Amino acid sequence: MGIRERIETAGLRLLSRPGRTSRFRGDILDKAGVGPDTNVIDVATAVGGMAFAAKERTGSVVAIDISKERIGIAKSDPRARGIDFRVMDAASTGFADKQFDVAINVLGLHEMTVDGARAALAETRRIAKRMVVVEFGVTEWPLFWRIFKYVLGIIEPEGFFAFMEQDVGEMIETAGWRIERREKSFPLVTYICS
């Protein structure tokens, strides 16, 4: 793991602690309609914060990430019990068609290449019935992002600047999803899809 990944992982670990961002994650789970019998996949889970929150509501949570190191960190957390963490490319999962009721992707798309994000959205369309994506609202607040992207560019992956030029809603719709609702909460946009 390089320096950029170590810095970002340290921040993710801090944010995944119990009590931190709980309201934010609970709101996402509400929008996704996660209840006791919901089969959930957390795509690009990083260190598992969203998966831990989902596990509090349902008994069926799979969490995937391409980073072996981050999945290792997630698995070492005491809250990981009962969650199926897997090192896996979100663009090619091997899961069955419509295996999951809900897919959740929180700030994971910008970590991928643009082509990788598009492929991950298409694969998620195949394996899940509904999806909630939370991503930076680049097209909603362009002036802010023109300035702030250079700060984020220090810790974000190489493809971050190319991602910042994309319309996430268009990416989602091109993958075959129908956006039911789009909710803005600076600096993020949440897309509730079916």
Protein backbone atom coordinates (compact mmCIF):
# COMPACT_ATOMS: atom_id res chain seq x y z
CA MET A 1 0.00 0.00 0.00
CA GLY A 2 1.45 3.36 -1.07
CA ILE A 3 1.54 6.56 0.97
CA ARG A 4 -1.66 7.92 -0.62
CA GLU A 5 -3.53 4.71 0.20
CA ARG A 6 -2.17 4.68 3.78
CA ILE A 7 -3.34 8.25 4.42
CA GLU A 8 -6.77 7.58 2.93
CA THR A 9 -7.11 4.27 4.79
CA ALA A 10 -6.26 5.95 8.10
CA GLY A 11 -9.04 8.48 7.45
CA LEU A 12 -11.48 5.73 6.48
CA ARG A 13 -10.69 3.81 9.67
CA LEU A 14 -11.40 6.91 11.73
CA LEU A 15 -14.72 7.49 9.94
CA SER A 16 -15.80 3.85 10.31
CA ARG A 17 -15.60 3.89 14.11
CA PRO A 18 -18.85 3.32 15.99
CA GLY A 19 -20.80 6.54 16.44
CA ARG A 20 -18.95 8.38 13.71
CA THR A 21 -21.10 9.20 10.70
CA SER A 22 -23.84 6.91 12.11
CA ARG A 23 -26.63 9.29 11.11
CA PHE A 24 -25.21 9.58 7.59
CA ARG A 25 -25.04 5.80 7.15
CA GLY A 26 -28.46 5.29 8.73
CA ASP A 27 -29.94 7.77 6.26
CA ILE A 28 -28.42 5.84 3.35
CA LEU A 29 -29.83 2.56 4.67
CA ASP A 30 -33.26 4.20 5.05
CA LYS A 31 -33.15 5.39 1.43
CA ALA A 32 -32.09 1.91 0.33
CA GLY A 33 -35.01 0.35 2.22
CA VAL A 34 -32.76 -1.98 4.21
CA GLY A 35 -34.72 -4.04 6.73
CA PRO A 36 -34.31 -7.35 8.57
CA ASP A 37 -34.73 -9.55 5.47
CA THR A 38 -32.83 -7.41 2.95
CA ASN A 39 -29.93 -9.04 1.12
CA VAL A 40 -27.27 -6.28 0.83
CA ILE A 41 -24.00 -5.90 -1.06
CA ASP A 42 -21.68 -3.05 -0.13
CA VAL A 43 -19.65 -2.31 -3.26
CA ALA A 44 -16.19 -0.74 -2.75
CA THR A 45 -16.54 -1.18 1.01
CA ALA A 46 -12.98 0.02 1.83
CA VAL A 47 -12.61 -0.71 5.57
CA GLY A 48 -16.25 -1.74 6.04
CA GLY A 49 -17.99 1.24 7.66
CA MET A 50 -21.15 0.94 5.56
CA ALA A 51 -21.18 -2.87 5.85
CA PHE A 52 -21.04 -2.62 9.66
CA ALA A 53 -24.02 -0.25 9.65
CA ALA A 54 -25.98 -2.53 7.29
CA LYS A 55 -25.28 -5.54 9.51
CA GLU A 56 -27.10 -3.78 12.37
CA ARG A 57 -30.28 -3.92 10.25
CA THR A 58 -30.08 -7.19 8.34
CA GLY A 59 -28.54 -10.62 8.62
CA SER A 60 -27.30 -10.78 5.03
CA VAL A 61 -24.40 -8.49 4.10
CA VAL A 62 -21.68 -9.10 1.53
CA ALA A 63 -18.97 -6.44 1.27
CA ILE A 64 -16.47 -6.29 -1.58
CA ASP A 65 -13.38 -4.25 -2.35
CA ILE A 66 -10.47 -4.70 -4.73
CA SER A 67 -7.97 -3.87 -1.97
CA LYS A 68 -6.75 -6.91 -0.05
CA GLU A 69 -5.29 -4.62 2.63
CA ARG A 70 -8.56 -2.77 3.24
CA ILE A 71 -10.58 -6.00 3.35
CA GLY A 72 -8.04 -7.29 5.88
CA ILE A 73 -8.61 -4.22 8.04
CA ALA A 74 -12.39 -4.65 7.78
CA LYS A 75 -12.20 -8.35 8.69
CA SER A 76 -10.07 -7.57 11.76
CA ASP A 77 -12.78 -5.30 13.21
CA PRO A 78 -14.89 -6.97 15.92
CA ARG A 79 -18.04 -5.80 14.10
CA ALA A 80 -17.10 -7.92 11.06
CA ARG A 81 -18.70 -11.04 12.50
CA GLY A 82 -21.46 -12.26 10.21
CA ILE A 83 -20.39 -10.10 7.24
CA ASP A 84 -19.04 -11.85 4.15
CA PHE A 85 -16.03 -9.68 3.20
CA ARG A 86 -14.41 -10.52 -0.14
CA VAL A 87 -11.51 -9.18 -2.17
CA MET A 88 -13.22 -8.72 -5.52
CA ASP A 89 -13.33 -6.46 -8.57
CA ALA A 90 -16.70 -4.69 -8.63
CA ALA A 91 -16.68 -4.84 -12.43
CA SER A 92 -16.68 -8.64 -12.51
CA THR A 93 -18.13 -10.27 -9.40
CA GLY A 94 -19.39 -13.68 -10.46
CA PHE A 95 -22.53 -13.30 -8.34
CA ALA A 96 -25.85 -14.55 -9.75
CA ASP A 97 -28.25 -12.23 -11.56
CA LYS A 98 -30.36 -10.20 -9.09
CA GLN A 99 -28.75 -12.04 -6.14
CA PHE A 100 -29.00 -8.92 -3.97
CA ASP A 101 -32.00 -6.83 -3.01
CA VAL A 102 -29.86 -3.70 -2.58
CA ALA A 103 -26.40 -2.58 -3.63
CA ILE A 104 -24.80 0.34 -1.84
CA ASN A 105 -21.81 2.28 -3.17
CA VAL A 106 -20.67 5.16 -0.98
CA LEU A 107 -17.84 7.24 -2.42
CA GLY A 108 -16.43 4.25 -4.24
CA LEU A 109 -16.87 5.19 -7.89
CA HIS A 110 -14.31 7.99 -7.86
CA GLU A 111 -11.75 5.49 -6.55
CA MET A 112 -11.99 3.61 -9.87
CA THR A 113 -11.01 4.56 -13.38
CA VAL A 114 -13.88 6.04 -15.40
CA ASP A 115 -14.15 2.82 -17.41
CA GLY A 116 -13.94 0.79 -14.19
CA ALA A 117 -16.74 2.84 -12.59
CA ARG A 118 -18.94 2.36 -15.65
CA ALA A 119 -18.25 -1.39 -15.64
CA ALA A 120 -18.94 -1.61 -11.88
CA LEU A 121 -22.30 0.15 -12.33
CA ALA A 122 -23.25 -2.26 -15.13
CA GLU A 123 -22.22 -5.28 -13.04
CA THR A 124 -24.16 -3.94 -10.06
CA ARG A 125 -27.19 -3.59 -12.34
CA ARG A 126 -26.89 -7.28 -13.15
CA ILE A 127 -26.54 -8.53 -9.56
CA ALA A 128 -28.86 -6.17 -7.63
CA LYS A 129 -32.51 -5.12 -7.80
CA ARG A 130 -32.00 -1.64 -6.29
CA MET A 131 -29.00 0.57 -5.73
CA VAL A 132 -28.02 3.64 -3.74
CA VAL A 133 -24.92 5.56 -4.84
CA VAL A 134 -23.41 8.42 -2.88
CA GLU A 135 -20.76 10.37 -4.74
CA PHE A 136 -19.23 13.82 -4.97
CA GLY A 137 -21.63 16.33 -6.52
CA VAL A 138 -19.21 17.58 -9.13
CA THR A 139 -21.84 18.75 -11.62
CA GLU A 140 -24.00 20.32 -8.90
CA TRP A 141 -21.36 22.70 -7.50
CA PRO A 142 -18.82 23.13 -10.32
CA LEU A 143 -17.03 26.22 -8.96
CA PHE A 144 -16.39 24.58 -5.59
CA TRP A 145 -15.06 21.42 -7.23
CA ARG A 146 -12.81 23.33 -9.63
CA ILE A 147 -11.03 24.69 -6.58
CA PHE A 148 -11.32 21.73 -4.18
CA LYS A 149 -10.34 19.02 -6.66
CA TYR A 150 -6.68 20.03 -6.33
CA VAL A 151 -6.80 19.45 -2.58
CA LEU A 152 -8.50 16.07 -3.06
CA GLY A 153 -6.08 15.27 -5.88
CA ILE A 154 -3.34 14.92 -3.27
CA ILE A 155 -4.98 11.91 -1.61
CA GLU A 156 -7.25 10.56 -4.32
CA PRO A 157 -6.21 7.99 -6.95
CA GLU A 158 -4.62 8.78 -10.29
CA GLY A 159 -7.90 8.66 -12.23
CA PHE A 160 -9.61 11.14 -9.90
CA PHE A 161 -9.33 14.14 -12.23
CA ALA A 162 -10.83 12.17 -15.13
CA PHE A 163 -13.67 11.08 -12.84
CA MET A 164 -14.31 14.70 -11.82
CA GLU A 165 -15.19 15.46 -15.45
CA GLN A 166 -18.00 12.86 -15.50
CA ASP A 167 -21.70 13.24 -14.87
CA VAL A 168 -22.40 10.49 -12.33
CA GLY A 169 -26.12 10.50 -13.09
CA GLU A 170 -25.39 9.90 -16.76
CA MET A 171 -22.99 7.08 -15.84
CA ILE A 172 -25.71 5.45 -13.72
CA GLU A 173 -28.37 5.74 -16.42
CA THR A 174 -26.03 4.48 -19.15
CA ALA A 175 -25.49 1.35 -17.02
CA GLY A 176 -29.25 0.66 -17.25
CA TRP A 177 -30.41 2.02 -13.89
CA ARG A 178 -33.41 4.31 -13.51
CA ILE A 179 -32.76 7.13 -11.06
CA GLU A 180 -35.87 7.39 -8.90
CA ARG A 181 -34.56 10.22 -6.73
CA ARG A 182 -31.51 12.43 -6.63
CA GLU A 183 -30.82 14.19 -3.35
CA LYS A 184 -28.22 16.91 -2.92
CA SER A 185 -26.46 17.47 0.38
CA PHE A 186 -23.34 19.53 -0.18
CA PRO A 187 -20.80 18.27 -1.22
CA LEU A 188 -22.49 14.94 -2.02
CA VAL A 189 -25.31 13.66 -4.20
CA THR A 190 -27.28 10.51 -3.38
CA TYR A 191 -28.85 8.56 -6.24
CA ILE A 192 -31.65 6.12 -5.37
CA CYS A 193 -32.02 3.73 -8.31
CA SER A 194 -34.06 0.80 -9.53
